[in-house]
Amino acid sequence: LTDNALMLQVKAGDLSRMGLLFERYHRELFGFLYHMSHDAT
């Protein structure tokens, strides 16, 4: 499933699909935010 398809399912009420999006993006997002804050916590 594409990211958009997953998010549209989340929007429709299937909140379990957010877990797949988390798995796909949490590392990338952490890296982006760590680059700005320089603080892991």
PDB file of all heavy atoms in Angstrom:
ATOM      1  N   LEU A   1       0.836  -1.195   0.000  1.00  0.00           N
ATOM      2  CA  LEU A   1       0.000   0.000   0.000  1.00  0.00           C
ATOM      3  C   LEU A   1       0.874   1.250   0.000  1.00  0.00           C
ATOM      4  O   LEU A   1       1.895   1.305   0.671  1.00  0.00           O
ATOM      5  CB  LEU A   1      -0.901   0.019   1.229  1.00  0.00           C
ATOM      6  CG  LEU A   1      -2.024  -1.006   1.246  1.00  0.00           C
ATOM      7  CD1 LEU A   1      -2.706  -1.008   2.607  1.00  0.00           C
ATOM      8  CD2 LEU A   1      -3.032  -0.715   0.159  1.00  0.00           C
ATOM      9  N   THR A   2       0.444   2.236  -0.750  1.00  0.00           N
ATOM     10  CA  THR A   2       1.169   3.503  -0.757  1.00  0.00           C
ATOM     11  C   THR A   2       0.938   4.216   0.571  1.00  0.00           C
ATOM     12  O   THR A   2      -0.022   3.937   1.294  1.00  0.00           O
ATOM     13  CB  THR A   2       0.698   4.413  -1.901  1.00  0.00           C
ATOM     14  OG1 THR A   2      -0.667   4.783  -1.660  1.00  0.00           O
ATOM     15  CG2 THR A   2       0.844   3.733  -3.256  1.00  0.00           C
ATOM     16  N   ASP A   3       1.804   5.169   0.848  1.00  0.00           N
ATOM     17  CA  ASP A   3       1.646   5.976   2.059  1.00  0.00           C
ATOM     18  C   ASP A   3       0.303   6.708   2.045  1.00  0.00           C
ATOM     19  O   ASP A   3      -0.378   6.772   3.057  1.00  0.00           O
ATOM     20  CB  ASP A   3       2.786   6.990   2.170  1.00  0.00           C
ATOM     21  CG  ASP A   3       4.149   6.325   2.275  1.00  0.00           C
ATOM     22  OD1 ASP A   3       4.223   5.160   2.721  1.00  0.00           O
ATOM     23  OD2 ASP A   3       5.141   6.976   1.909  1.00  0.00           O
ATOM     24  N   ASN A   4      -0.057   7.250   0.891  1.00  0.00           N
ATOM     25  CA  ASN A   4      -1.328   7.973   0.787  1.00  0.00           C
ATOM     26  C   ASN A   4      -2.504   7.037   1.052  1.00  0.00           C
ATOM     27  O   ASN A   4      -3.451   7.413   1.762  1.00  0.00           O
ATOM     28  CB  ASN A   4      -1.474   8.633  -0.581  1.00  0.00           C
ATOM     29  CG  ASN A   4      -0.705   9.925  -0.684  1.00  0.00           C
ATOM     30  OD1 ASN A   4       0.195  10.210   0.111  1.00  0.00           O
ATOM     31  ND2 ASN A   4      -1.029  10.720  -1.681  1.00  0.00           N
ATOM     32  N   ALA A   5      -2.448   5.825   0.494  1.00  0.00           N
ATOM     33  CA  ALA A   5      -3.540   4.871   0.715  1.00  0.00           C
ATOM     34  C   ALA A   5      -3.650   4.508   2.198  1.00  0.00           C
ATOM     35  O   ALA A   5      -4.754   4.428   2.741  1.00  0.00           O
ATOM     36  CB  ALA A   5      -3.321   3.619  -0.128  1.00  0.00           C
ATOM     37  N   LEU A   6      -2.506   4.313   2.841  1.00  0.00           N
ATOM     38  CA  LEU A   6      -2.524   4.006   4.275  1.00  0.00           C
ATOM     39  C   LEU A   6      -3.123   5.157   5.075  1.00  0.00           C
ATOM     40  O   LEU A   6      -3.958   4.952   5.955  1.00  0.00           O
ATOM     41  CB  LEU A   6      -1.108   3.702   4.780  1.00  0.00           C
ATOM     42  CG  LEU A   6      -0.523   2.365   4.366  1.00  0.00           C
ATOM     43  CD1 LEU A   6       0.951   2.285   4.738  1.00  0.00           C
ATOM     44  CD2 LEU A   6      -1.297   1.215   4.995  1.00  0.00           C
ATOM     45  N   MET A   7      -2.697   6.383   4.769  1.00  0.00           N
ATOM     46  CA  MET A   7      -3.199   7.531   5.525  1.00  0.00           C
ATOM     47  C   MET A   7      -4.683   7.744   5.272  1.00  0.00           C
ATOM     48  O   MET A   7      -5.414   8.130   6.191  1.00  0.00           O
ATOM     49  CB  MET A   7      -2.394   8.788   5.188  1.00  0.00           C
ATOM     50  CG  MET A   7      -2.662   9.935   6.133  1.00  0.00           C
ATOM     51  SD  MET A   7      -2.254   9.521   7.848  1.00  0.00           S
ATOM     52  CE  MET A   7      -3.472  10.518   8.710  1.00  0.00           C
ATOM     53  N   LEU A   8      -5.154   7.477   4.076  1.00  0.00           N
ATOM     54  CA  LEU A   8      -6.590   7.584   3.804  1.00  0.00           C
ATOM     55  C   LEU A   8      -7.366   6.542   4.604  1.00  0.00           C
ATOM     56  O   LEU A   8      -8.482   6.815   5.061  1.00  0.00           O
ATOM     57  CB  LEU A   8      -6.872   7.460   2.305  1.00  0.00           C
ATOM     58  CG  LEU A   8      -6.464   8.678   1.480  1.00  0.00           C
ATOM     59  CD1 LEU A   8      -6.554   8.361  -0.020  1.00  0.00           C
ATOM     60  CD2 LEU A   8      -7.299   9.906   1.828  1.00  0.00           C
ATOM     61  N   GLN A   9      -6.784   5.366   4.814  1.00  0.00           N
ATOM     62  CA  GLN A   9      -7.419   4.357   5.663  1.00  0.00           C
ATOM     63  C   GLN A   9      -7.443   4.816   7.120  1.00  0.00           C
ATOM     64  O   GLN A   9      -8.434   4.608   7.827  1.00  0.00           O
ATOM     65  CB  GLN A   9      -6.712   3.013   5.519  1.00  0.00           C
ATOM     66  CG  GLN A   9      -6.945   2.377   4.164  1.00  0.00           C
ATOM     67  CD  GLN A   9      -6.185   1.072   3.999  1.00  0.00           C
ATOM     68  OE1 GLN A   9      -5.419   0.651   4.873  1.00  0.00           O
ATOM     69  NE2 GLN A   9      -6.384   0.431   2.861  1.00  0.00           N
ATOM     70  N   VAL A  10      -6.351   5.443   7.562  1.00  0.00           N
ATOM     71  CA  VAL A  10      -6.321   6.005   8.924  1.00  0.00           C
ATOM     72  C   VAL A  10      -7.420   7.063   9.051  1.00  0.00           C
ATOM     73  O   VAL A  10      -8.177   7.076  10.023  1.00  0.00           O
ATOM     74  CB  VAL A  10      -4.937   6.615   9.255  1.00  0.00           C
ATOM     75  CG1 VAL A  10      -4.975   7.392  10.558  1.00  0.00           C
ATOM     76  CG2 VAL A  10      -3.872   5.525   9.312  1.00  0.00           C
ATOM     77  N   LYS A  11      -7.512   7.925   8.062  1.00  0.00           N
ATOM     78  CA  LYS A  11      -8.526   8.983   8.067  1.00  0.00           C
ATOM     79  C   LYS A  11      -9.932   8.385   8.155  1.00  0.00           C
ATOM     80  O   LYS A  11     -10.797   8.928   8.848  1.00  0.00           O
ATOM     81  CB  LYS A  11      -8.396   9.825   6.795  1.00  0.00           C
ATOM     82  CG  LYS A  11      -9.404  10.944   6.688  1.00  0.00           C
ATOM     83  CD  LYS A  11      -9.210  11.719   5.401  1.00  0.00           C
ATOM     84  CE  LYS A  11     -10.224  12.850   5.273  1.00  0.00           C
ATOM     85  NZ  LYS A  11     -10.008  13.650   4.053  1.00  0.00           N
ATOM     86  N   ALA A  12     -10.138   7.244   7.490  1.00  0.00           N
ATOM     87  CA  ALA A  12     -11.446   6.586   7.484  1.00  0.00           C
ATOM     88  C   ALA A  12     -11.729   5.823   8.773  1.00  0.00           C
ATOM     89  O   ALA A  12     -12.817   5.274   8.945  1.00  0.00           O
ATOM     90  CB  ALA A  12     -11.543   5.652   6.282  1.00  0.00           C
ATOM     91  N   GLY A  13     -10.748   5.779   9.686  1.00  0.00           N
ATOM     92  CA  GLY A  13     -10.989   5.147  10.983  1.00  0.00           C
ATOM     93  C   GLY A  13     -10.164   3.911  11.282  1.00  0.00           C
ATOM     94  O   GLY A  13     -10.253   3.371  12.379  1.00  0.00           O
ATOM     95  N   ASP A  14      -9.385   3.422  10.323  1.00  0.00           N
ATOM     96  CA  ASP A  14      -8.540   2.250  10.563  1.00  0.00           C
ATOM     97  C   ASP A  14      -7.220   2.717  11.163  1.00  0.00           C
ATOM     98  O   ASP A  14      -6.201   2.820  10.485  1.00  0.00           O
ATOM     99  CB  ASP A  14      -8.317   1.483   9.263  1.00  0.00           C
ATOM    100  CG  ASP A  14      -7.599   0.152   9.490  1.00  0.00           C
ATOM    101  OD1 ASP A  14      -7.206  -0.131  10.651  1.00  0.00           O
ATOM    102  OD2 ASP A  14      -7.425  -0.581   8.506  1.00  0.00           O
ATOM    103  N   LEU A  15      -7.249   3.009  12.462  1.00  0.00           N
ATOM    104  CA  LEU A  15      -6.093   3.594  13.135  1.00  0.00           C
ATOM    105  C   LEU A  15      -4.903   2.645  13.208  1.00  0.00           C
ATOM    106  O   LEU A  15      -3.769   3.091  13.380  1.00  0.00           O
ATOM    107  CB  LEU A  15      -6.482   4.078  14.526  1.00  0.00           C
ATOM    108  CG  LEU A  15      -7.636   5.089  14.591  1.00  0.00           C
ATOM    109  CD1 LEU A  15      -7.844   5.565  16.016  1.00  0.00           C
ATOM    110  CD2 LEU A  15      -7.409   6.257  13.647  1.00  0.00           C
ATOM    111  N   SER A  16      -5.140   1.344  13.024  1.00  0.00           N
ATOM    112  CA  SER A  16      -4.034   0.386  13.060  1.00  0.00           C
ATOM    113  C   SER A  16      -3.047   0.620  11.918  1.00  0.00           C
ATOM    114  O   SER A  16      -1.873   0.253  12.026  1.00  0.00           O
ATOM    115  CB  SER A  16      -4.568  -1.045  12.994  1.00  0.00           C
ATOM    116  OG  SER A  16      -5.148  -1.309  11.726  1.00  0.00           O
ATOM    117  N   ARG A  17      -3.491   1.252  10.847  1.00  0.00           N
ATOM    118  CA  ARG A  17      -2.617   1.528   9.708  1.00  0.00           C
ATOM    119  C   ARG A  17      -1.538   2.561  10.042  1.00  0.00           C
ATOM    120  O   ARG A  17      -0.526   2.646   9.366  1.00  0.00           O
ATOM    121  CB  ARG A  17      -3.422   1.996   8.494  1.00  0.00           C
ATOM    122  CG  ARG A  17      -4.364   0.960   7.951  1.00  0.00           C
ATOM    123  CD  ARG A  17      -3.600  -0.266   7.534  1.00  0.00           C
ATOM    124  NE  ARG A  17      -4.449  -1.154   6.760  1.00  0.00           N
ATOM    125  CZ  ARG A  17      -3.997  -2.172   6.079  1.00  0.00           C
ATOM    126  NH1 ARG A  17      -2.717  -2.449   6.065  1.00  0.00           N
ATOM    127  NH2 ARG A  17      -4.821  -2.940   5.415  1.00  0.00           N
ATOM    128  N   MET A  18      -1.760   3.338  11.089  1.00  0.00           N
ATOM    129  CA  MET A  18      -0.753   4.318  11.494  1.00  0.00           C
ATOM    130  C   MET A  18       0.531   3.611  11.913  1.00  0.00           C
ATOM    131  O   MET A  18       1.622   4.147  11.748  1.00  0.00           O
ATOM    132  CB  MET A  18      -1.282   5.203  12.623  1.00  0.00           C
ATOM    133  CG  MET A  18      -0.341   6.334  12.994  1.00  0.00           C
ATOM    134  SD  MET A  18       0.096   7.443  11.640  1.00  0.00           S
ATOM    135  CE  MET A  18      -1.314   8.514  11.615  1.00  0.00           C
ATOM    136  N   GLY A  19       0.427   2.396  12.421  1.00  0.00           N
ATOM    137  CA  GLY A  19       1.606   1.625  12.799  1.00  0.00           C
ATOM    138  C   GLY A  19       2.531   1.367  11.623  1.00  0.00           C
ATOM    139  O   GLY A  19       3.753   1.424  11.757  1.00  0.00           O
ATOM    140  N   LEU A  20       1.960   1.093  10.456  1.00  0.00           N
ATOM    141  CA  LEU A  20       2.780   0.880   9.262  1.00  0.00           C
ATOM    142  C   LEU A  20       3.479   2.173   8.851  1.00  0.00           C
ATOM    143  O   LEU A  20       4.654   2.161   8.470  1.00  0.00           O
ATOM    144  CB  LEU A  20       1.918   0.364   8.112  1.00  0.00           C
ATOM    145  CG  LEU A  20       1.394  -1.055   8.261  1.00  0.00           C
ATOM    146  CD1 LEU A  20       0.392  -1.377   7.151  1.00  0.00           C
ATOM    147  CD2 LEU A  20       2.532  -2.054   8.255  1.00  0.00           C
ATOM    148  N   LEU A  21       2.762   3.278   8.922  1.00  0.00           N
ATOM    149  CA  LEU A  21       3.379   4.571   8.599  1.00  0.00           C
ATOM    150  C   LEU A  21       4.481   4.910   9.597  1.00  0.00           C
ATOM    151  O   LEU A  21       5.529   5.438   9.221  1.00  0.00           O
ATOM    152  CB  LEU A  21       2.318   5.672   8.554  1.00  0.00           C
ATOM    153  CG  LEU A  21       1.361   5.567   7.368  1.00  0.00           C
ATOM    154  CD1 LEU A  21       0.179   6.507   7.556  1.00  0.00           C
ATOM    155  CD2 LEU A  21       2.082   5.857   6.065  1.00  0.00           C
ATOM    156  N   PHE A  22       4.250   4.583  10.872  1.00  0.00           N
ATOM    157  CA  PHE A  22       5.285   4.804  11.884  1.00  0.00           C
ATOM    158  C   PHE A  22       6.533   4.008  11.537  1.00  0.00           C
ATOM    159  O   PHE A  22       7.649   4.534  11.581  1.00  0.00           O
ATOM    160  CB  PHE A  22       4.765   4.427  13.275  1.00  0.00           C
ATOM    161  CG  PHE A  22       5.769   4.672  14.357  1.00  0.00           C
ATOM    162  CD1 PHE A  22       5.911   5.934  14.907  1.00  0.00           C
ATOM    163  CD2 PHE A  22       6.563   3.645  14.833  1.00  0.00           C
ATOM    164  CE1 PHE A  22       6.849   6.181  15.913  1.00  0.00           C
ATOM    165  CE2 PHE A  22       7.502   3.871  15.838  1.00  0.00           C
ATOM    166  CZ  PHE A  22       7.637   5.142  16.366  1.00  0.00           C
ATOM    167  N   GLU A  23       6.347   2.717  11.174  1.00  0.00           N
ATOM    168  CA  GLU A  23       7.495   1.873  10.825  1.00  0.00           C
ATOM    169  C   GLU A  23       8.246   2.430   9.625  1.00  0.00           C
ATOM    170  O   GLU A  23       9.470   2.366   9.567  1.00  0.00           O
ATOM    171  CB  GLU A  23       7.057   0.438  10.552  1.00  0.00           C
ATOM    172  CG  GLU A  23       6.667  -0.317  11.791  1.00  0.00           C
ATOM    173  CD  GLU A  23       7.799  -0.384  12.810  1.00  0.00           C
ATOM    174  OE1 GLU A  23       8.956  -0.656  12.417  1.00  0.00           O
ATOM    175  OE2 GLU A  23       7.537  -0.166  14.000  1.00  0.00           O
ATOM    176  N   ARG A  24       7.538   3.003   8.676  1.00  0.00           N
ATOM    177  CA  ARG A  24       8.167   3.542   7.476  1.00  0.00           C
ATOM    178  C   ARG A  24       8.901   4.856   7.734  1.00  0.00           C
ATOM    179  O   ARG A  24       9.894   5.148   7.067  1.00  0.00           O
ATOM    180  CB  ARG A  24       7.129   3.777   6.379  1.00  0.00           C
ATOM    181  CG  ARG A  24       6.568   2.508   5.788  1.00  0.00           C
ATOM    182  CD  ARG A  24       5.559   2.818   4.709  1.00  0.00           C
ATOM    183  NE  ARG A  24       4.957   1.585   4.211  1.00  0.00           N
ATOM    184  CZ  ARG A  24       4.066   1.536   3.241  1.00  0.00           C
ATOM    185  NH1 ARG A  24       3.654   2.643   2.652  1.00  0.00           N
ATOM    186  NH2 ARG A  24       3.562   0.372   2.849  1.00  0.00           N
ATOM    187  N   TYR A  25       8.426   5.664   8.667  1.00  0.00           N
ATOM    188  CA  TYR A  25       8.918   7.036   8.761  1.00  0.00           C
ATOM    189  C   TYR A  25       9.569   7.443  10.077  1.00  0.00           C
ATOM    190  O   TYR A  25      10.178   8.503  10.137  1.00  0.00           O
ATOM    191  CB  TYR A  25       7.780   8.024   8.452  1.00  0.00           C
ATOM    192  CG  TYR A  25       7.479   8.064   6.986  1.00  0.00           C
ATOM    193  CD1 TYR A  25       6.410   7.366   6.468  1.00  0.00           C
ATOM    194  CD2 TYR A  25       8.303   8.771   6.109  1.00  0.00           C
ATOM    195  CE1 TYR A  25       6.151   7.375   5.107  1.00  0.00           C
ATOM    196  CE2 TYR A  25       8.057   8.785   4.756  1.00  0.00           C
ATOM    197  CZ  TYR A  25       6.977   8.087   4.261  1.00  0.00           C
ATOM    198  OH  TYR A  25       6.737   8.099   2.915  1.00  0.00           O
ATOM    199  N   HIS A  26       9.463   6.658  11.137  1.00  0.00           N
ATOM    200  CA  HIS A  26       9.969   7.158  12.415  1.00  0.00           C
ATOM    201  C   HIS A  26      11.478   7.388  12.400  1.00  0.00           C
ATOM    202  O   HIS A  26      11.952   8.359  12.986  1.00  0.00           O
ATOM    203  CB  HIS A  26       9.515   6.280  13.590  1.00  0.00           C
ATOM    204  CG  HIS A  26      10.272   5.005  13.758  1.00  0.00           C
ATOM    205  ND1 HIS A  26       9.977   3.875  13.040  1.00  0.00           N
ATOM    206  CD2 HIS A  26      11.303   4.697  14.561  1.00  0.00           C
ATOM    207  CE1 HIS A  26      10.791   2.909  13.405  1.00  0.00           C
ATOM    208  NE2 HIS A  26      11.615   3.378  14.329  1.00  0.00           N
ATOM    209  N   ARG A  27      12.243   6.546  11.713  1.00  0.00           N
ATOM    210  CA  ARG A  27      13.704   6.741  11.680  1.00  0.00           C
ATOM    211  C   ARG A  27      14.065   8.008  10.891  1.00  0.00           C
ATOM    212  O   ARG A  27      14.911   8.791  11.322  1.00  0.00           O
ATOM    213  CB  ARG A  27      14.388   5.528  11.067  1.00  0.00           C
ATOM    214  CG  ARG A  27      14.421   4.331  11.986  1.00  0.00           C
ATOM    215  CD  ARG A  27      15.156   3.143  11.353  1.00  0.00           C
ATOM    216  NE  ARG A  27      14.916   1.924  12.098  1.00  0.00           N
ATOM    217  CZ  ARG A  27      13.933   1.073  11.855  1.00  0.00           C
ATOM    218  NH1 ARG A  27      13.096   1.286  10.866  1.00  0.00           N
ATOM    219  NH2 ARG A  27      13.777   0.004  12.592  1.00  0.00           N
ATOM    220  N   GLU A  28      13.427   8.172   9.742  1.00  0.00           N
ATOM    221  CA  GLU A  28      13.679   9.358   8.923  1.00  0.00           C
ATOM    222  C   GLU A  28      13.317  10.634   9.681  1.00  0.00           C
ATOM    223  O   GLU A  28      14.079  11.600   9.700  1.00  0.00           O
ATOM    224  CB  GLU A  28      12.854   9.273   7.642  1.00  0.00           C
ATOM    225  CG  GLU A  28      12.899  10.515   6.785  1.00  0.00           C
ATOM    226  CD  GLU A  28      11.933  10.441   5.610  1.00  0.00           C
ATOM    227  OE1 GLU A  28      11.783   9.360   5.010  1.00  0.00           O
ATOM    228  OE2 GLU A  28      11.328  11.481   5.301  1.00  0.00           O
ATOM    229  N   LEU A  29      12.165  10.614  10.319  1.00  0.00           N
ATOM    230  CA  LEU A  29      11.706  11.779  11.062  1.00  0.00           C
ATOM    231  C   LEU A  29      12.618  12.055  12.254  1.00  0.00           C
ATOM    232  O   LEU A  29      12.978  13.201  12.516  1.00  0.00           O
ATOM    233  CB  LEU A  29      10.260  11.564  11.513  1.00  0.00           C
ATOM    234  CG  LEU A  29       9.520  12.733  12.097  1.00  0.00           C
ATOM    235  CD1 LEU A  29       9.492  13.925  11.145  1.00  0.00           C
ATOM    236  CD2 LEU A  29       8.092  12.315  12.446  1.00  0.00           C
ATOM    237  N   PHE A  30      13.034  10.991  12.958  1.00  0.00           N
ATOM    238  CA  PHE A  30      13.964  11.158  14.066  1.00  0.00           C
ATOM    239  C   PHE A  30      15.260  11.810  13.582  1.00  0.00           C
ATOM    240  O   PHE A  30      15.771  12.740  14.213  1.00  0.00           O
ATOM    241  CB  PHE A  30      14.269   9.815  14.738  1.00  0.00           C
ATOM    242  CG  PHE A  30      15.313   9.914  15.809  1.00  0.00           C
ATOM    243  CD1 PHE A  30      14.965  10.267  17.097  1.00  0.00           C
ATOM    244  CD2 PHE A  30      16.657   9.673  15.526  1.00  0.00           C
ATOM    245  CE1 PHE A  30      15.932  10.380  18.091  1.00  0.00           C
ATOM    246  CE2 PHE A  30      17.627   9.778  16.500  1.00  0.00           C
ATOM    247  CZ  PHE A  30      17.259  10.135  17.789  1.00  0.00           C
ATOM    248  N   GLY A  31      15.796  11.329  12.465  1.00  0.00           N
ATOM    249  CA  GLY A  31      17.035  11.893  11.932  1.00  0.00           C
ATOM    250  C   GLY A  31      16.885  13.371  11.598  1.00  0.00           C
ATOM    251  O   GLY A  31      17.775  14.175  11.898  1.00  0.00           O
ATOM    252  N   PHE A  32      15.775  13.726  10.999  1.00  0.00           N
ATOM    253  CA  PHE A  32      15.508  15.121  10.658  1.00  0.00           C
ATOM    254  C   PHE A  32      15.445  15.985  11.918  1.00  0.00           C
ATOM    255  O   PHE A  32      16.070  17.046  11.994  1.00  0.00           O
ATOM    256  CB  PHE A  32      14.192  15.206   9.880  1.00  0.00           C
ATOM    257  CG  PHE A  32      13.725  16.607   9.605  1.00  0.00           C
ATOM    258  CD1 PHE A  32      14.308  17.363   8.605  1.00  0.00           C
ATOM    259  CD2 PHE A  32      12.679  17.156  10.333  1.00  0.00           C
ATOM    260  CE1 PHE A  32      13.870  18.656   8.337  1.00  0.00           C
ATOM    261  CE2 PHE A  32      12.236  18.438  10.079  1.00  0.00           C
ATOM    262  CZ  PHE A  32      12.835  19.199   9.079  1.00  0.00           C
ATOM    263  N   LEU A  33      14.722  15.508  12.912  1.00  0.00           N
ATOM    264  CA  LEU A  33      14.563  16.272  14.145  1.00  0.00           C
ATOM    265  C   LEU A  33      15.849  16.305  14.963  1.00  0.00           C
ATOM    266  O   LEU A  33      16.175  17.323  15.574  1.00  0.00           O
ATOM    267  CB  LEU A  33      13.402  15.699  14.965  1.00  0.00           C
ATOM    268  CG  LEU A  33      12.038  15.815  14.291  1.00  0.00           C
ATOM    269  CD1 LEU A  33      11.005  14.963  15.009  1.00  0.00           C
ATOM    270  CD2 LEU A  33      11.589  17.264  14.210  1.00  0.00           C
ATOM    271  N   TYR A  34      16.602  15.205  14.942  1.00  0.00           N
ATOM    272  CA  TYR A  34      17.881  15.177  15.662  1.00  0.00           C
ATOM    273  C   TYR A  34      18.869  16.153  15.030  1.00  0.00           C
ATOM    274  O   TYR A  34      19.631  16.817  15.736  1.00  0.00           O
ATOM    275  CB  TYR A  34      18.456  13.762  15.678  1.00  0.00           C
ATOM    276  CG  TYR A  34      19.725  13.667  16.488  1.00  0.00           C
ATOM    277  CD1 TYR A  34      19.662  13.574  17.877  1.00  0.00           C
ATOM    278  CD2 TYR A  34      20.974  13.692  15.881  1.00  0.00           C
ATOM    279  CE1 TYR A  34      20.820  13.509  18.635  1.00  0.00           C
ATOM    280  CE2 TYR A  34      22.132  13.631  16.626  1.00  0.00           C
ATOM    281  CZ  TYR A  34      22.044  13.538  18.002  1.00  0.00           C
ATOM    282  OH  TYR A  34      23.189  13.480  18.755  1.00  0.00           O
ATOM    283  N   HIS A  35      18.840  16.253  13.722  1.00  0.00           N
ATOM    284  CA  HIS A  35      19.716  17.200  13.017  1.00  0.00           C
ATOM    285  C   HIS A  35      19.448  18.636  13.484  1.00  0.00           C
ATOM    286  O   HIS A  35      20.357  19.447  13.565  1.00  0.00           O
ATOM    287  CB  HIS A  35      19.510  17.078  11.510  1.00  0.00           C
ATOM    288  CG  HIS A  35      20.339  18.014  10.700  1.00  0.00           C
ATOM    289  ND1 HIS A  35      21.693  17.830  10.522  1.00  0.00           N
ATOM    290  CD2 HIS A  35      20.021  19.139  10.035  1.00  0.00           C
ATOM    291  CE1 HIS A  35      22.168  18.814   9.783  1.00  0.00           C
ATOM    292  NE2 HIS A  35      21.173  19.623   9.464  1.00  0.00           N
ATOM    293  N   MET A  36      18.195  18.922  13.817  1.00  0.00           N
ATOM    294  CA  MET A  36      17.839  20.275  14.269  1.00  0.00           C
ATOM    295  C   MET A  36      18.102  20.476  15.762  1.00  0.00           C
ATOM    296  O   MET A  36      18.529  21.547  16.178  1.00  0.00           O
ATOM    297  CB  MET A  36      16.365  20.576  13.965  1.00  0.00           C
ATOM    298  CG  MET A  36      16.085  20.678  12.487  1.00  0.00           C
ATOM    299  SD  MET A  36      14.446  21.311  12.038  1.00  0.00           S
ATOM    300  CE  MET A  36      13.363  20.616  13.219  1.00  0.00           C
ATOM    301  N   SER A  37      17.845  19.445  16.570  1.00  0.00           N
ATOM    302  CA  SER A  37      17.913  19.621  18.026  1.00  0.00           C
ATOM    303  C   SER A  37      19.217  19.126  18.653  1.00  0.00           C
ATOM    304  O   SER A  37      19.579  19.568  19.742  1.00  0.00           O
ATOM    305  CB  SER A  37      16.748  18.881  18.695  1.00  0.00           C
ATOM    306  OG  SER A  37      16.941  17.473  18.622  1.00  0.00           O
ATOM    307  N   HIS A  38      19.878  18.170  18.016  1.00  0.00           N
ATOM    308  CA  HIS A  38      21.091  17.538  18.558  1.00  0.00           C
ATOM    309  C   HIS A  38      20.839  16.910  19.927  1.00  0.00           C
ATOM    310  O   HIS A  38      21.754  16.820  20.748  1.00  0.00           O
ATOM    311  CB  HIS A  38      22.259  18.529  18.627  1.00  0.00           C
ATOM    312  CG  HIS A  38      22.577  19.135  17.297  1.00  0.00           C
ATOM    313  ND1 HIS A  38      23.218  18.436  16.311  1.00  0.00           N
ATOM    314  CD2 HIS A  38      22.327  20.365  16.800  1.00  0.00           C
ATOM    315  CE1 HIS A  38      23.355  19.209  15.258  1.00  0.00           C
ATOM    316  NE2 HIS A  38      22.822  20.385  15.517  1.00  0.00           N
ATOM    317  N   ASP A  39      19.612  16.473  20.157  1.00  0.00           N
ATOM    318  CA  ASP A  39      19.258  15.845  21.429  1.00  0.00           C
ATOM    319  C   ASP A  39      18.339  14.663  21.141  1.00  0.00           C
ATOM    320  O   ASP A  39      17.241  14.847  20.628  1.00  0.00           O
ATOM    321  CB  ASP A  39      18.568  16.854  22.343  1.00  0.00           C
ATOM    322  CG  ASP A  39      18.239  16.256  23.696  1.00  0.00           C
ATOM    323  OD1 ASP A  39      19.092  16.313  24.591  1.00  0.00           O
ATOM    324  OD2 ASP A  39      17.123  15.711  23.848  1.00  0.00           O
ATOM    325  N   ALA A  40      18.785  13.456  21.479  1.00  0.00           N
ATOM    326  CA  ALA A  40      18.032  12.244  21.161  1.00  0.00           C
ATOM    327  C   ALA A  40      16.686  12.192  21.883  1.00  0.00           C
ATOM    328  O   ALA A  40      15.669  11.843  21.284  1.00  0.00           O
ATOM    329  CB  ALA A  40      18.854  11.005  21.496  1.00  0.00           C
ATOM    330  N   THR A  41      16.671  12.539  23.152  1.00  0.00           N
ATOM    331  CA  THR A  41      15.423  12.475  23.916  1.00  0.00           C
ATOM    332  C   THR A  41      14.396  13.448  23.364  1.00  0.00           C
ATOM    333  O   THR A  41      13.223  13.090  23.177  1.00  0.00           O
ATOM    334  CB  THR A  41      15.692  12.760  25.406  1.00  0.00           C
ATOM    335  OG1 THR A  41      16.637  11.804  25.893  1.00  0.00           O
ATOM    336  CG2 THR A  41      14.418  12.667  26.217  1.00  0.00           C
TER     337      THR A  41
END
